[in-house]
Amino acid sequence: MNKAQQTLRRSRTPLARQQGRVCCGAIAIGAVALQQRNRVEFNAFLISKGIDPEEYYCPESYEEKNA
């Protein structure tokens, strides 16, 4: 992302800066979507192995709820 920020700073026209911002926003949205997809797939994997995802991510809280 540092390279994208440098490119935005070097842009000479407001239109070029705006296009760069839109591009960076699209990249960020794509990264978040990819993380969410990976998490959904990992949760499905945990469930297939018989592990509760809530217990996997936060065992202390899980123990308190189910005590």
Foldseek 3Di string as FASTA:
>chain_A
DVVLVVVLVPDDDPVVNVVSVVVVVVVVVVVVVVVVVVVVVVCVVCVVVVHHVVCVVPVVVVVVVVD
